Amino acid sequence: MNVSLGYLFLSNTRLLNFYAGFEFIQTWTKSRRQFDFDKMKYDNTQYSSQFYGLKACWFIPVYQRKPKDFYYY
């Protein structure tokens, strides 16, 4: 499960485009093998892990500028 909460800003000057936010990841896993050779016993344990952190991105735009004319249909 991946949850992210952030803010995206895209400027008209195309120089300052960024994303900043908080990200939370939670996983539920278990061993793919029934027998654990390191411990020499059966392993059916289920694990849960949580990861969280800050995420920041700076976008370099490749799109063209919008036209100055407006077209109405």
Protein backbone atom coordinates (compact mmCIF):
# COMPACT_ATOMS: atom_id res chain seq x y z
CA MET A 1 0.00 0.00 0.00
CA ASN A 2 1.40 3.37 -1.01
CA VAL A 3 -0.11 6.66 0.23
CA SER A 4 1.18 10.08 -0.75
CA LEU A 5 0.05 13.56 0.22
CA GLY A 6 1.71 16.51 -1.47
CA TYR A 7 1.60 19.75 -3.40
CA LEU A 8 2.30 20.18 -7.13
CA PHE A 9 3.21 23.62 -8.52
CA LEU A 10 3.57 24.34 -12.26
CA SER A 11 4.56 27.92 -13.10
CA ASN A 12 3.80 29.85 -16.28
CA THR A 13 7.51 30.69 -16.71
CA ARG A 14 8.31 26.95 -16.97
CA LEU A 15 11.33 27.32 -14.67
CA LEU A 16 9.86 26.62 -11.27
CA ASN A 17 7.95 23.33 -11.44
CA PHE A 18 8.11 21.17 -8.33
CA TYR A 19 6.40 18.57 -6.18
CA ALA A 20 6.83 18.21 -2.42
CA GLY A 21 5.03 15.79 -0.17
CA PHE A 22 4.92 13.06 2.44
CA GLU A 23 4.91 9.39 1.44
CA PHE A 24 3.90 6.32 3.47
CA ILE A 25 4.41 2.72 2.32
CA GLN A 26 3.19 -0.40 4.14
CA THR A 27 3.87 -3.97 3.07
CA TRP A 28 2.62 -7.37 4.18
CA THR A 29 4.95 -10.22 3.22
CA LYS A 30 5.71 -13.83 4.01
CA SER A 31 8.38 -16.30 3.01
CA ARG A 32 8.04 -17.84 -0.44
CA ARG A 33 9.50 -21.13 0.81
CA GLN A 34 7.89 -23.28 3.46
CA PHE A 35 11.20 -24.44 4.94
CA ASP A 36 13.92 -22.00 6.08
CA PHE A 37 17.30 -23.67 5.64
CA ASP A 38 19.14 -21.04 7.71
CA LYS A 39 17.03 -21.81 10.80
CA MET A 40 16.37 -25.44 9.81
CA LYS A 41 12.64 -25.17 10.54
CA TYR A 42 9.35 -24.38 8.83
CA ASP A 43 8.62 -20.69 8.42
CA ASN A 44 4.99 -19.56 7.96
CA THR A 45 5.47 -16.19 9.66
CA GLN A 46 3.85 -13.12 8.13
CA TYR A 47 5.71 -9.82 8.31
CA SER A 48 4.59 -6.20 8.17
CA SER A 49 6.88 -3.28 7.32
CA GLN A 50 6.24 0.45 7.28
CA PHE A 51 8.30 3.09 5.49
CA TYR A 52 7.73 6.84 5.53
CA GLY A 53 9.56 9.90 4.33
CA LEU A 54 9.55 13.17 2.47
CA LYS A 55 9.52 13.33 -1.31
CA ALA A 56 10.65 16.29 -3.41
CA CYS A 57 10.83 16.54 -7.21
CA TRP A 58 11.85 19.28 -9.61
CA PHE A 59 10.35 18.98 -13.10
CA ILE A 60 12.17 20.10 -16.24
CA PRO A 61 9.43 20.82 -18.78
CA VAL A 62 9.54 19.59 -22.38
CA TYR A 63 6.13 20.91 -23.41
CA GLN A 64 5.70 23.92 -25.68
CA ARG A 65 4.34 27.23 -24.56
CA LYS A 66 0.61 27.70 -24.80
CA PRO A 67 -0.58 29.91 -27.69
CA LYS A 68 -1.53 33.53 -27.07
CA ASP A 69 -4.72 33.13 -29.11
CA PHE A 70 -7.77 31.51 -27.64
CA TYR A 71 -10.09 29.40 -29.73
CA TYR A 72 -13.73 29.04 -28.71
CA TYR A 73 -15.88 26.27 -30.17
